Amino acid sequence: MTAAVRYRIRHHTAYDYTADVVHSHQLLHLVPRPAPYQECLEHLIDIAPGGFRRRDQTDAFGNPVMHIEFEHPHRRLSVSSEIDINVYARPAISALDTHLWERVVKNLSYHAQEPGRDVLEACRFRHESPYVRLKTAFSDYAEDCFDSDRPVLSCAEALMTKLHSDMTYAPGETTISTPLLDVLETRRGVCQDYAHLMIACLRSRGLAARYVSGYVRGLSALGTTPGAARTTESPGVPGGNASLVGGGASHAWVAVYSPPFGWLELDPTNNKHVGTEHIGIAWGRDFGDVSPLRGIILGGGNHQLYVNVTVEPVGA
């Protein structure tokens, strides 16, 4: 196995409420899922207030998930996660060695016979999901990336580059509720929007694509403000490249079903294959399946959100 790049990641989220929250259910995706290219050495989580009920399980997509329930009044919820993890380089794969995209689409279509396990799994990520609607506009936008008899990874790489060129990274201009068609029109957004838009284009062409959440060794933000995120990194990371755009809170990228190699991951925000700068946490159909922290509360009034993330290479 190749030498690892080791990271220590701290992810802190806090909600301050103007009135008592009398009951709360929260769902956390903060534990890295097992993967052949990364090894979680230690994971610690601290939650306040105490006295909550906790249940650990695996969700429908194979991600570790934590359920917590508070039955006593509180005006602040604080969740701090610390991860110590090794990330390994992935094998280099030539796009020319992947199947033609038309062949992949055909294999993902109905054939009146039982599909293979890998195809059946891929079909879960071929259709519409709550935050990724399938529209002709997405297929039309990506048309020049899907020439006839072109390998599927080559098409995905071309789409990634097109999105990276056309989009402007603009924190604060979109939210999770911003319609994806609006993002396509304005060409402005953050990593979540880049990933959703790329997935929409791929699925609208009949391909399977999934949303991956995690962290990236990213550019530092100037200070930390309520609702914003801050990422800190050290220079000279062993095995790493220059800092990437998208650090803070969580990052998002795309996995494309690319036979015969299975799922290959691309980061449209940075126009590159996912590598040792990326730390994966969970995957699903879209952001809604893998949100780091989401829940239902009774009471609370208005709230203020604070998020702070640091991604620190160890031994740099």
Protein backbone atom coordinates (compact mmCIF):
# COMPACT_ATOMS: atom_id res chain seq x y z
CA MET A 1 0.00 0.00 0.00
CA THR A 2 1.28 3.49 -0.86
CA ALA A 3 2.23 5.98 1.83
CA ALA A 4 -0.73 7.71 3.40
CA VAL A 5 -1.50 11.38 3.90
CA ARG A 6 -2.74 11.79 7.44
CA TYR A 7 -5.28 14.42 8.49
CA ARG A 8 -6.84 15.64 11.69
CA ILE A 9 -10.27 17.12 11.06
CA ARG A 10 -12.35 19.11 13.53
CA HIS A 11 -15.94 19.94 12.65
CA HIS A 12 -17.93 22.07 15.08
CA THR A 13 -21.60 23.01 14.62
CA ALA A 14 -23.67 25.04 17.06
CA TYR A 15 -27.25 26.28 17.06
CA ASP A 16 -28.26 29.12 19.41
CA TYR A 17 -32.03 29.40 19.89
CA THR A 18 -34.05 32.40 21.08
CA ALA A 19 -36.49 30.19 22.98
CA ASP A 20 -36.42 26.78 24.61
CA VAL A 21 -36.27 23.72 22.39
CA VAL A 22 -38.42 21.30 24.37
CA HIS A 23 -37.88 18.24 22.18
CA SER A 24 -35.38 17.50 19.42
CA HIS A 25 -34.45 14.65 17.08
CA GLN A 26 -31.16 14.97 15.18
CA LEU A 27 -29.56 12.80 12.48
CA LEU A 28 -25.76 12.99 12.11
CA HIS A 29 -23.54 11.91 9.20
CA LEU A 30 -20.16 12.64 10.77
CA VAL A 31 -18.43 9.25 10.90
CA PRO A 32 -16.34 8.36 7.80
CA ARG A 33 -17.74 5.35 5.96
CA PRO A 34 -15.32 2.45 5.44
CA ALA A 35 -13.47 2.68 2.13
CA PRO A 36 -10.40 1.02 0.58
CA TYR A 37 -8.65 4.38 0.04
CA GLN A 38 -8.95 5.76 3.58
CA GLU A 39 -8.49 4.46 7.11
CA CYS A 40 -10.16 6.12 10.07
CA LEU A 41 -7.73 5.90 12.99
CA GLU A 42 -9.91 7.62 15.57
CA HIS A 43 -13.24 9.39 15.72
CA LEU A 44 -14.46 11.35 18.72
CA ILE A 45 -17.73 13.23 19.08
CA ASP A 46 -18.85 15.61 21.79
CA ILE A 47 -22.50 16.71 22.05
CA ALA A 48 -24.01 19.27 24.43
CA PRO A 49 -26.30 19.40 26.27
CA GLY A 50 -25.83 15.95 27.71
CA GLY A 51 -28.50 13.56 28.82
CA PHE A 52 -29.62 12.62 25.32
CA ARG A 53 -30.54 9.27 23.83
CA ARG A 54 -28.23 7.92 21.16
CA ARG A 55 -28.61 5.19 18.56
CA ASP A 56 -25.92 4.23 16.03
CA GLN A 57 -26.82 2.40 12.83
CA THR A 58 -26.15 2.20 9.09
CA ASP A 59 -28.43 4.02 6.65
CA ALA A 60 -29.87 2.70 3.37
CA PHE A 61 -26.70 3.67 1.48
CA GLY A 62 -24.27 2.00 3.86
CA ASN A 63 -23.23 5.18 5.69
CA PRO A 64 -22.67 5.19 9.46
CA VAL A 65 -25.36 7.39 11.00
CA MET A 66 -26.09 8.56 14.54
CA HIS A 67 -29.56 9.40 15.90
CA ILE A 68 -29.77 11.60 18.98
CA GLU A 69 -32.88 12.68 20.88
CA PHE A 70 -33.22 15.42 23.51
CA GLU A 71 -36.22 15.36 25.82
CA HIS A 72 -35.31 18.31 28.05
CA PRO A 73 -35.37 22.07 27.31
CA HIS A 74 -32.24 23.69 25.87
CA ARG A 75 -31.31 26.87 24.03
CA ARG A 76 -28.05 25.72 22.48
CA LEU A 77 -27.04 22.58 20.61
CA SER A 78 -23.33 21.97 20.11
CA VAL A 79 -21.87 19.08 18.12
CA SER A 80 -18.09 18.70 17.79
CA SER A 81 -16.52 15.91 15.76
CA GLU A 82 -12.81 15.10 15.58
CA ILE A 83 -11.40 12.64 13.05
CA ASP A 84 -7.87 11.27 12.70
CA ILE A 85 -7.60 9.57 9.31
CA ASN A 86 -5.18 8.23 6.71
CA VAL A 87 -5.94 8.84 3.03
CA TYR A 88 -4.26 6.79 0.29
CA ALA A 89 -3.71 7.55 -3.38
CA ARG A 90 -6.13 5.92 -5.81
CA PRO A 91 -4.97 4.04 -8.90
CA ALA A 92 -4.66 6.05 -12.10
CA ILE A 93 -7.33 5.04 -14.65
CA SER A 94 -7.41 6.04 -18.29
CA ALA A 95 -10.77 7.33 -19.49
CA LEU A 96 -10.23 5.38 -22.71
CA ASP A 97 -10.41 2.12 -20.75
CA THR A 98 -13.99 2.77 -19.54
CA HIS A 99 -17.04 1.58 -21.49
CA LEU A 100 -18.72 3.76 -24.08
CA TRP A 101 -21.36 5.93 -22.47
CA GLU A 102 -24.15 4.65 -24.75
CA ARG A 103 -23.31 1.10 -23.67
CA VAL A 104 -23.48 2.08 -20.00
CA VAL A 105 -26.89 3.72 -20.51
CA LYS A 106 -28.16 0.61 -22.30
CA ASN A 107 -26.98 -1.67 -19.49
CA LEU A 108 -28.72 0.54 -16.93
CA SER A 109 -32.00 0.27 -18.81
CA TYR A 110 -34.70 -2.37 -18.35
CA HIS A 111 -33.92 -5.70 -20.08
CA ALA A 112 -36.61 -8.09 -18.74
CA GLN A 113 -33.90 -10.08 -17.01
CA GLU A 114 -32.21 -9.88 -13.65
CA PRO A 115 -29.32 -7.37 -13.73
CA GLY A 116 -25.98 -7.92 -12.07
CA ARG A 117 -25.52 -6.70 -8.53
CA ASP A 118 -23.36 -3.74 -9.56
CA VAL A 119 -25.88 -2.60 -12.19
CA LEU A 120 -28.75 -2.96 -9.73
CA GLU A 121 -26.89 -0.82 -7.20
CA ALA A 122 -26.09 1.80 -9.86
CA CYS A 123 -29.76 2.05 -10.85
CA ARG A 124 -30.51 3.54 -7.43
CA PHE A 125 -28.56 6.61 -8.54
CA ARG A 126 -29.93 6.95 -12.05
CA HIS A 127 -33.30 8.57 -11.32
CA GLU A 128 -34.64 11.83 -9.93
CA SER A 129 -34.12 12.66 -6.27
CA PRO A 130 -35.48 15.50 -4.11
CA TYR A 131 -32.69 17.98 -4.94
CA VAL A 132 -31.83 16.67 -8.42
CA ARG A 133 -34.68 16.92 -10.91
CA LEU A 134 -34.23 15.54 -14.40
CA LYS A 135 -34.90 18.19 -17.05
CA THR A 136 -34.21 18.51 -20.76
CA ALA A 137 -32.28 21.71 -19.97
CA PHE A 138 -29.61 19.68 -18.15
CA SER A 139 -29.29 17.17 -20.98
CA ASP A 140 -29.06 20.00 -23.52
CA TYR A 141 -26.39 21.80 -21.50
CA ALA A 142 -24.21 18.68 -21.45
CA GLU A 143 -24.81 17.68 -25.07
CA ASP A 144 -21.38 18.69 -26.39
CA CYS A 145 -19.73 16.45 -23.76
CA PHE A 146 -21.47 13.29 -25.01
CA ASP A 147 -20.23 12.55 -28.50
CA SER A 148 -21.16 9.21 -29.97
CA ASP A 149 -18.79 6.33 -29.13
CA ARG A 150 -17.07 8.28 -26.36
CA PRO A 151 -15.99 6.51 -23.14
CA VAL A 152 -18.15 7.33 -20.14
CA LEU A 153 -15.29 8.68 -18.02
CA SER A 154 -14.17 10.90 -20.88
CA CYS A 155 -17.69 12.35 -21.07
CA ALA A 156 -17.78 12.91 -17.31
CA GLU A 157 -14.37 14.60 -17.36
CA ALA A 158 -15.50 16.90 -20.18
CA LEU A 159 -18.65 17.79 -18.24
CA MET A 160 -16.62 18.46 -15.10
CA THR A 161 -14.33 20.81 -17.01
CA LYS A 162 -17.28 22.56 -18.67
CA LEU A 163 -18.97 23.18 -15.32
CA HIS A 164 -15.74 24.38 -13.75
CA SER A 165 -15.24 26.83 -16.63
CA ASP A 166 -18.83 28.09 -16.77
CA MET A 167 -19.56 28.31 -13.04
CA THR A 168 -18.39 30.95 -10.58
CA TYR A 169 -17.75 29.87 -7.01
CA ALA A 170 -19.95 32.27 -5.03
CA PRO A 171 -20.48 31.48 -1.33
CA GLY A 172 -23.65 32.88 0.17
CA GLU A 173 -25.54 33.34 -3.11
CA THR A 174 -27.40 30.03 -3.01
CA THR A 175 -28.99 27.79 -0.38
CA ILE A 176 -30.12 24.17 -0.42
CA SER A 177 -33.57 25.43 -1.51
CA THR A 178 -32.26 27.26 -4.60
CA PRO A 179 -33.76 25.47 -7.64
CA LEU A 180 -31.14 23.75 -9.75
CA LEU A 181 -32.53 25.36 -12.91
CA ASP A 182 -31.74 28.74 -11.31
CA VAL A 183 -28.19 27.59 -10.67
CA LEU A 184 -27.90 26.55 -14.33
CA GLU A 185 -29.13 29.98 -15.39
CA THR A 186 -26.94 32.10 -13.10
CA ARG A 187 -23.92 29.74 -13.19
CA ARG A 188 -23.09 30.74 -9.59
CA GLY A 189 -22.97 28.64 -6.45
CA VAL A 190 -20.86 26.50 -4.14
CA CYS A 191 -19.61 22.91 -4.20
CA GLN A 192 -23.06 21.57 -3.37
CA ASP A 193 -24.43 23.30 -6.49
CA TYR A 194 -21.57 22.13 -8.71
CA ALA A 195 -22.16 18.55 -7.59
CA HIS A 196 -25.95 18.66 -7.94
CA LEU A 197 -25.72 20.23 -11.40
CA MET A 198 -23.20 17.66 -12.62
CA ILE A 199 -25.35 14.83 -11.26
CA ALA A 200 -28.44 16.28 -12.97
CA CYS A 201 -26.61 16.41 -16.32
CA LEU A 202 -25.36 12.83 -16.00
CA ARG A 203 -28.69 11.37 -14.88
CA SER A 204 -30.56 13.31 -17.57
CA ARG A 205 -28.38 11.43 -20.06
CA GLY A 206 -29.35 8.09 -18.50
CA LEU A 207 -26.17 7.58 -16.47
CA ALA A 208 -25.83 6.82 -12.76
CA ALA A 209 -24.22 9.39 -10.47
CA ARG A 210 -24.16 9.83 -6.73
CA TYR A 211 -23.46 12.71 -4.36
CA VAL A 212 -20.44 12.36 -2.07
CA SER A 213 -19.94 14.51 1.01
CA GLY A 214 -16.76 14.94 2.96
CA TYR A 215 -13.92 17.37 3.48
CA VAL A 216 -11.17 18.82 1.34
CA ARG A 217 -7.85 20.42 2.15
CA GLY A 218 -9.00 23.85 1.10
CA LEU A 219 -8.29 27.54 0.90
CA SER A 220 -8.42 29.43 4.19
CA ALA A 221 -11.29 31.77 4.82
CA LEU A 222 -10.67 35.17 6.39
CA GLY A 223 -12.02 34.81 9.90
CA THR A 224 -15.15 33.05 11.09
CA THR A 225 -18.59 34.64 11.13
CA PRO A 226 -21.94 33.23 12.19
CA GLY A 227 -23.13 30.77 9.59
CA ALA A 228 -19.77 30.76 7.81
CA ALA A 229 -16.97 28.23 7.89
CA ARG A 230 -13.23 28.43 8.27
CA THR A 231 -10.65 25.99 6.99
CA THR A 232 -7.03 25.90 8.07
CA GLU A 233 -4.27 23.99 6.32
CA SER A 234 -0.52 23.73 6.50
CA PRO A 235 1.86 24.18 3.57
CA GLY A 236 3.95 21.37 2.20
CA VAL A 237 1.46 18.54 2.64
CA PRO A 238 3.18 15.26 1.79
CA GLY A 239 1.62 13.81 -1.32
CA GLY A 240 -0.67 16.83 -1.74
CA ASN A 241 -1.08 19.61 -4.27
CA ALA A 242 -1.99 23.26 -3.82
CA SER A 243 -4.97 24.00 -1.59
CA LEU A 244 -8.35 23.41 -3.20
CA VAL A 245 -11.48 25.54 -3.36
CA GLY A 246 -14.37 24.38 -1.18
CA GLY A 247 -12.85 23.93 2.25
CA GLY A 248 -15.19 24.62 5.14
CA ALA A 249 -18.24 23.00 6.72
CA SER A 250 -18.24 20.12 4.27
CA HIS A 251 -17.27 19.62 0.65
CA ALA A 252 -19.17 17.77 -2.08
CA TRP A 253 -18.25 15.98 -5.25
CA VAL A 254 -19.60 13.37 -7.67
CA ALA A 255 -19.13 9.64 -8.21
CA VAL A 256 -19.90 8.37 -11.72
CA TYR A 257 -20.67 4.73 -12.50
CA SER A 258 -17.88 3.89 -14.96
CA PRO A 259 -17.64 0.21 -15.92
CA PRO A 260 -15.54 -1.86 -15.75
CA PHE A 261 -13.99 0.09 -12.84
CA GLY A 262 -17.16 0.80 -10.91
CA TRP A 263 -17.56 4.21 -9.28
CA LEU A 264 -15.01 6.91 -10.06
CA GLU A 265 -15.06 10.24 -8.23
CA LEU A 266 -14.68 13.71 -9.76
CA ASP A 267 -14.63 17.13 -8.10
CA PRO A 268 -16.23 19.70 -10.46
CA THR A 269 -15.56 22.58 -8.06
CA ASN A 270 -11.83 22.03 -8.57
CA ASN A 271 -11.90 20.29 -11.97
CA LYS A 272 -9.95 17.25 -10.84
CA HIS A 273 -10.19 13.61 -9.91
CA VAL A 274 -10.70 13.02 -6.22
CA GLY A 275 -7.40 12.18 -4.55
CA THR A 276 -5.49 12.43 -1.30
CA GLU A 277 -6.79 15.98 -0.67
CA HIS A 278 -10.33 14.59 -0.22
CA ILE A 279 -11.75 12.83 2.84
CA GLY A 280 -15.05 11.07 2.16
CA ILE A 281 -17.77 10.81 4.82
CA ALA A 282 -20.95 9.60 3.13
CA TRP A 283 -22.71 9.20 -0.20
CA GLY A 284 -26.30 9.24 -1.36
CA ARG A 285 -28.61 10.49 -4.10
CA ASP A 286 -28.12 14.15 -3.17
CA PHE A 287 -27.34 16.42 -0.22
CA GLY A 288 -30.54 15.47 1.57
CA ASP A 289 -29.32 11.91 2.09
CA VAL A 290 -25.98 12.89 3.65
CA SER A 291 -26.42 16.22 5.44
CA PRO A 292 -23.87 16.36 8.29
CA LEU A 293 -26.54 17.37 10.78
CA ARG A 294 -30.27 17.73 10.31
CA GLY A 295 -33.24 17.34 12.57
CA ILE A 296 -36.70 18.21 13.82
CA ILE A 297 -37.25 20.44 16.83
CA LEU A 298 -40.23 21.51 18.91
CA GLY A 299 -39.93 25.13 20.02
CA GLY A 300 -36.71 27.12 19.72
CA GLY A 301 -38.02 30.29 18.08
CA ASN A 302 -35.38 31.76 15.78
CA HIS A 303 -31.86 30.36 15.67
CA GLN A 304 -28.32 31.34 14.75
CA LEU A 305 -26.02 28.77 13.14
CA TYR A 306 -22.26 28.62 13.66
CA VAL A 307 -19.99 26.23 11.73
CA ASN A 308 -16.23 25.86 12.00
CA VAL A 309 -14.10 23.25 10.23
CA THR A 310 -10.35 22.70 10.27
CA VAL A 311 -8.54 20.20 8.05
CA GLU A 312 -4.96 19.84 9.24
CA PRO A 313 -2.35 17.58 7.62
CA VAL A 314 -0.41 15.71 10.30
CA GLY A 315 3.36 15.66 9.96
CA ALA A 316 3.47 18.28 7.21
